[in-house]
């Protein structure tokens, strides 16, 4: 608050409670932009490698973890390529297990 008395100007002295902020009513918050569209329900059963800066995500089933075979799971390992939002780009059937690095 600035008080004008005649020709002189009185300003309040800054105190510890006085903090100048460029945007005093800015409150950061998380907001969901879109929902992820993963086909797999449990990602803990996969080895996952992600690219930097929101790039594609590669996933392969982890053979070290116990899995129950279902009808939709192939016997050969499959690499699943997803966008950062979880949309499936491509599936690659692995012919040789040595192609996949741990």
N, C-alpha and C. Protein backbone atom coordinates (compact mmCIF):
# COMPACT_ATOMS: atom_id res chain seq x y z
N UNK A 1 0.83 -1.16 0.00
CA UNK A 1 0.00 0.00 0.00
C UNK A 1 0.89 1.24 0.00
N UNK A 2 0.61 2.16 -0.87
CA UNK A 2 1.35 3.41 -0.95
C UNK A 2 0.43 4.53 -0.48
N UNK A 3 0.95 5.33 0.44
CA UNK A 3 0.16 6.42 1.00
C UNK A 3 0.79 7.74 0.55
N UNK A 4 0.00 8.59 -0.07
CA UNK A 4 0.49 9.90 -0.51
C UNK A 4 0.03 10.94 0.50
N UNK A 5 0.97 11.65 1.07
CA UNK A 5 0.63 12.75 1.99
C UNK A 5 1.33 14.00 1.47
N UNK A 6 0.60 14.86 0.87
CA UNK A 6 1.19 16.07 0.30
C UNK A 6 2.10 15.71 -0.86
N UNK A 7 3.33 16.23 -0.82
CA UNK A 7 4.28 15.96 -1.89
C UNK A 7 5.22 14.81 -1.55
N UNK A 8 5.20 14.30 -0.35
CA UNK A 8 6.10 13.21 0.01
C UNK A 8 5.37 11.88 -0.12
N UNK A 9 6.12 10.84 -0.32
CA UNK A 9 5.55 9.50 -0.53
C UNK A 9 6.05 8.58 0.57
N UNK A 10 5.14 7.89 1.24
CA UNK A 10 5.52 6.92 2.27
C UNK A 10 5.23 5.52 1.77
N UNK A 11 6.22 4.68 1.81
CA UNK A 11 6.05 3.28 1.40
C UNK A 11 6.25 2.39 2.63
N UNK A 12 5.54 1.25 2.66
CA UNK A 12 5.76 0.35 3.79
C UNK A 12 7.15 -0.29 3.69
N UNK A 13 7.76 -0.52 4.81
CA UNK A 13 9.07 -1.16 4.82
C UNK A 13 8.92 -2.65 4.57
N UNK A 14 9.83 -3.23 3.79
CA UNK A 14 9.74 -4.68 3.57
C UNK A 14 10.02 -5.44 4.87
N UNK A 15 9.25 -6.44 5.10
CA UNK A 15 9.43 -7.29 6.28
C UNK A 15 9.60 -8.72 5.82
N UNK A 16 9.73 -9.62 6.76
CA UNK A 16 9.87 -11.03 6.41
C UNK A 16 8.59 -11.57 5.77
N UNK A 17 7.46 -10.99 6.09
CA UNK A 17 6.20 -11.46 5.52
C UNK A 17 5.99 -10.95 4.10
N UNK A 18 6.72 -9.90 3.75
CA UNK A 18 6.55 -9.30 2.42
C UNK A 18 7.44 -10.03 1.42
N UNK A 19 6.84 -10.71 0.47
CA UNK A 19 7.58 -11.42 -0.57
C UNK A 19 7.00 -10.99 -1.90
N UNK A 20 7.85 -10.43 -2.74
CA UNK A 20 7.36 -10.05 -4.06
C UNK A 20 7.49 -11.25 -4.99
N UNK A 21 6.46 -11.56 -5.69
CA UNK A 21 6.42 -12.70 -6.60
C UNK A 21 5.82 -12.20 -7.90
N UNK A 22 6.42 -12.57 -9.05
CA UNK A 22 5.88 -12.07 -10.31
C UNK A 22 4.45 -12.50 -10.59
N UNK A 23 4.08 -13.69 -10.13
CA UNK A 23 2.71 -14.17 -10.31
C UNK A 23 2.19 -14.60 -8.94
N UNK A 24 1.60 -13.69 -8.19
CA UNK A 24 1.23 -14.03 -6.81
C UNK A 24 0.13 -15.07 -6.69
N UNK A 25 -0.67 -15.29 -7.72
CA UNK A 25 -1.76 -16.25 -7.63
C UNK A 25 -1.50 -17.48 -8.48
N UNK A 26 -0.25 -17.84 -8.66
CA UNK A 26 0.12 -19.02 -9.44
C UNK A 26 0.37 -20.17 -8.49
N UNK A 27 -0.41 -21.24 -8.65
CA UNK A 27 -0.23 -22.43 -7.84
C UNK A 27 0.00 -23.61 -8.78
N UNK A 28 1.20 -24.23 -8.76
CA UNK A 28 1.45 -25.36 -9.65
C UNK A 28 0.57 -26.54 -9.26
N UNK A 29 0.09 -27.25 -10.25
CA UNK A 29 -0.74 -28.42 -9.99
C UNK A 29 -0.56 -29.43 -11.11
N UNK A 30 -0.86 -30.67 -10.81
CA UNK A 30 -0.80 -31.74 -11.79
C UNK A 30 -2.16 -31.88 -12.43
N UNK A 31 -2.17 -31.99 -13.74
CA UNK A 31 -3.43 -32.15 -14.44
C UNK A 31 -3.24 -33.24 -15.49
N UNK A 32 -4.15 -34.20 -15.52
CA UNK A 32 -4.06 -35.29 -16.48
C UNK A 32 -4.46 -34.76 -17.86
N UNK A 33 -3.55 -34.92 -18.82
CA UNK A 33 -3.81 -34.44 -20.18
C UNK A 33 -4.52 -35.51 -20.99
N UNK A 34 -4.05 -36.75 -20.87
CA UNK A 34 -4.68 -37.87 -21.56
C UNK A 34 -4.41 -39.12 -20.75
N UNK A 35 -5.20 -40.16 -20.98
CA UNK A 35 -5.00 -41.41 -20.26
C UNK A 35 -4.08 -42.31 -21.08
N UNK A 36 -3.30 -43.11 -20.37
CA UNK A 36 -2.37 -44.02 -21.04
C UNK A 36 -3.13 -45.22 -21.58
N UNK A 37 -2.67 -45.74 -22.71
CA UNK A 37 -3.39 -46.84 -23.35
C UNK A 37 -2.51 -48.07 -23.46
N UNK A 38 -2.06 -48.59 -22.31
CA UNK A 38 -1.25 -49.80 -22.31
C UNK A 38 -2.14 -51.02 -22.53
N UNK A 39 -1.65 -51.96 -23.33
CA UNK A 39 -2.38 -53.22 -23.52
C UNK A 39 -2.11 -54.17 -22.36
N UNK A 40 -0.91 -54.12 -21.82
CA UNK A 40 -0.53 -55.00 -20.73
C UNK A 40 -1.05 -54.40 -19.42
N UNK A 41 -1.60 -55.27 -18.58
CA UNK A 41 -2.16 -54.77 -17.33
C UNK A 41 -1.11 -54.68 -16.23
N UNK A 42 -0.09 -55.53 -16.26
CA UNK A 42 0.93 -55.54 -15.21
C UNK A 42 2.30 -55.34 -15.84
N UNK A 43 2.84 -54.13 -15.73
CA UNK A 43 4.12 -53.81 -16.35
C UNK A 43 5.30 -54.37 -15.56
N UNK A 44 5.08 -54.88 -14.36
CA UNK A 44 6.17 -55.43 -13.55
C UNK A 44 6.70 -56.74 -14.13
N UNK A 45 5.99 -57.36 -15.04
CA UNK A 45 6.43 -58.62 -15.66
C UNK A 45 7.29 -58.38 -16.89
N UNK A 46 7.63 -57.13 -17.19
CA UNK A 46 8.37 -56.79 -18.40
C UNK A 46 9.67 -56.09 -18.05
N UNK A 47 10.67 -56.24 -18.95
CA UNK A 47 11.85 -55.39 -18.92
C UNK A 47 11.53 -54.22 -19.84
N UNK A 48 11.78 -53.02 -19.37
CA UNK A 48 11.37 -51.82 -20.10
C UNK A 48 12.58 -50.94 -20.35
N UNK A 49 12.69 -50.43 -21.59
CA UNK A 49 13.73 -49.45 -21.95
C UNK A 49 13.03 -48.27 -22.60
N UNK A 50 13.30 -47.07 -22.09
CA UNK A 50 12.64 -45.87 -22.61
C UNK A 50 13.67 -44.92 -23.20
N UNK A 51 13.30 -44.25 -24.28
CA UNK A 51 14.16 -43.25 -24.91
C UNK A 51 14.05 -41.94 -24.14
N UNK A 52 15.01 -41.07 -24.37
CA UNK A 52 15.01 -39.76 -23.70
C UNK A 52 13.95 -38.85 -24.30
N UNK A 53 13.58 -37.86 -23.52
CA UNK A 53 12.71 -36.76 -23.97
C UNK A 53 11.36 -37.23 -24.51
N UNK A 54 10.75 -38.21 -23.88
CA UNK A 54 9.42 -38.65 -24.28
C UNK A 54 9.39 -39.46 -25.55
N UNK A 55 10.47 -40.15 -25.87
CA UNK A 55 10.55 -40.97 -27.07
C UNK A 55 9.87 -42.31 -26.87
N UNK A 56 10.08 -43.25 -27.82
CA UNK A 56 9.41 -44.55 -27.73
C UNK A 56 9.89 -45.39 -26.55
N UNK A 57 9.07 -46.37 -26.20
CA UNK A 57 9.34 -47.27 -25.08
C UNK A 57 9.34 -48.70 -25.62
N UNK A 58 10.39 -49.46 -25.31
CA UNK A 58 10.48 -50.86 -25.73
C UNK A 58 10.26 -51.75 -24.51
N UNK A 59 9.49 -52.82 -24.70
CA UNK A 59 9.19 -53.74 -23.61
C UNK A 59 9.34 -55.17 -24.10
N UNK A 60 9.88 -56.03 -23.24
CA UNK A 60 9.94 -57.46 -23.51
C UNK A 60 9.64 -58.19 -22.21
N UNK A 61 8.98 -59.33 -22.34
CA UNK A 61 8.64 -60.12 -21.15
C UNK A 61 9.90 -60.54 -20.43
N UNK A 62 9.91 -60.45 -19.10
CA UNK A 62 11.06 -60.84 -18.30
C UNK A 62 10.95 -62.33 -17.98
N UNK A 63 11.88 -63.13 -18.53
CA UNK A 63 11.84 -64.58 -18.31
C UNK A 63 12.25 -64.96 -16.89
N UNK A 64 12.86 -64.05 -16.16
CA UNK A 64 13.29 -64.34 -14.80
C UNK A 64 12.12 -64.34 -13.82
N UNK A 65 11.01 -63.81 -14.23
CA UNK A 65 9.82 -63.77 -13.37
C UNK A 65 8.85 -64.86 -13.81
N UNK A 66 8.16 -65.43 -12.85
CA UNK A 66 7.22 -66.51 -13.12
C UNK A 66 5.98 -65.94 -13.81
N UNK A 67 5.60 -66.56 -14.93
CA UNK A 67 4.42 -66.13 -15.67
C UNK A 67 3.53 -67.33 -15.94
N UNK A 68 2.24 -67.12 -15.88
CA UNK A 68 1.29 -68.13 -16.32
C UNK A 68 1.02 -67.90 -17.79
N UNK A 69 1.17 -68.93 -18.60
CA UNK A 69 0.94 -68.77 -20.03
C UNK A 69 -0.54 -68.60 -20.31
N UNK A 70 -0.84 -67.63 -21.13
CA UNK A 70 -2.21 -67.39 -21.54
C UNK A 70 -2.29 -67.60 -23.04
N UNK A 71 -3.50 -67.58 -23.57
CA UNK A 71 -3.69 -67.85 -25.00
C UNK A 71 -3.05 -66.78 -25.87
N UNK A 72 -3.09 -65.50 -25.44
CA UNK A 72 -2.60 -64.43 -26.30
C UNK A 72 -1.08 -64.28 -26.25
N UNK A 73 -0.38 -64.93 -25.32
CA UNK A 73 1.06 -64.78 -25.22
C UNK A 73 1.76 -65.77 -26.14
N UNK A 74 2.61 -65.30 -27.05
CA UNK A 74 3.34 -66.22 -27.93
C UNK A 74 4.47 -66.91 -27.17
N UNK A 75 4.93 -68.05 -27.71
CA UNK A 75 6.02 -68.79 -27.09
C UNK A 75 7.34 -68.06 -27.31
N UNK A 76 7.56 -67.52 -28.53
CA UNK A 76 8.77 -66.75 -28.80
C UNK A 76 8.67 -65.40 -28.11
N UNK A 77 9.80 -64.89 -27.63
CA UNK A 77 9.75 -63.55 -27.02
C UNK A 77 9.38 -62.48 -28.04
N UNK A 78 8.63 -61.51 -27.59
CA UNK A 78 8.18 -60.43 -28.46
C UNK A 78 8.59 -59.10 -27.84
N UNK A 79 9.16 -58.22 -28.66
CA UNK A 79 9.48 -56.86 -28.23
C UNK A 79 8.32 -55.98 -28.65
N UNK A 80 7.76 -55.27 -27.68
CA UNK A 80 6.64 -54.36 -27.95
C UNK A 80 7.19 -52.93 -27.97
N UNK A 81 6.89 -52.19 -29.02
CA UNK A 81 7.31 -50.79 -29.13
C UNK A 81 6.08 -49.91 -28.92
N UNK A 82 6.15 -48.99 -27.96
CA UNK A 82 5.04 -48.10 -27.63
C UNK A 82 5.48 -46.64 -27.73
N UNK A 83 4.52 -45.76 -27.94
CA UNK A 83 4.79 -44.33 -27.83
C UNK A 83 4.85 -43.99 -26.35
N UNK A 84 5.21 -42.75 -26.03
CA UNK A 84 5.28 -42.33 -24.63
C UNK A 84 3.91 -42.36 -23.96
N UNK A 85 2.84 -42.29 -24.74
CA UNK A 85 1.49 -42.33 -24.18
C UNK A 85 0.95 -43.75 -24.06
N UNK A 86 1.75 -44.75 -24.46
CA UNK A 86 1.33 -46.13 -24.31
C UNK A 86 0.69 -46.75 -25.53
N UNK A 87 0.59 -46.03 -26.63
CA UNK A 87 -0.02 -46.57 -27.85
C UNK A 87 0.98 -47.51 -28.53
N UNK A 88 0.52 -48.70 -28.89
CA UNK A 88 1.39 -49.70 -29.51
C UNK A 88 1.78 -49.26 -30.91
N UNK A 89 3.10 -49.22 -31.18
CA UNK A 89 3.61 -48.88 -32.50
C UNK A 89 3.84 -50.14 -33.32
N UNK A 90 4.57 -51.10 -32.73
CA UNK A 90 4.95 -52.30 -33.47
C UNK A 90 5.30 -53.42 -32.50
N UNK A 91 5.24 -54.66 -33.01
CA UNK A 91 5.67 -55.84 -32.27
C UNK A 91 6.72 -56.54 -33.10
N UNK A 92 7.81 -56.96 -32.46
CA UNK A 92 8.89 -57.65 -33.17
C UNK A 92 9.09 -59.01 -32.52
N UNK A 93 8.94 -60.08 -33.31
CA UNK A 93 9.21 -61.43 -32.82
C UNK A 93 10.72 -61.64 -32.80
N UNK A 94 11.26 -62.03 -31.65
CA UNK A 94 12.70 -62.23 -31.51
C UNK A 94 13.02 -63.66 -31.94
N UNK A 95 13.90 -63.79 -32.93
CA UNK A 95 14.29 -65.11 -33.43
C UNK A 95 15.37 -65.73 -32.55
N UNK A 96 16.34 -64.93 -32.15
CA UNK A 96 17.46 -65.41 -31.37
C UNK A 96 17.47 -64.69 -30.02
N UNK A 97 17.51 -65.43 -28.94
CA UNK A 97 17.44 -64.83 -27.61
C UNK A 97 18.66 -63.97 -27.31
N UNK A 98 19.80 -64.22 -27.98
CA UNK A 98 21.00 -63.43 -27.71
C UNK A 98 20.90 -62.01 -28.26
N UNK A 99 19.88 -61.72 -29.08
CA UNK A 99 19.70 -60.37 -29.60
C UNK A 99 19.29 -59.40 -28.50
N UNK A 100 18.63 -59.90 -27.49
CA UNK A 100 18.12 -59.05 -26.42
C UNK A 100 19.18 -58.95 -25.33
N UNK A 101 19.59 -57.73 -25.00
CA UNK A 101 20.59 -57.51 -23.95
C UNK A 101 19.90 -57.30 -22.62
N UNK A 102 20.49 -57.82 -21.57
CA UNK A 102 19.95 -57.62 -20.21
C UNK A 102 20.51 -56.36 -19.62
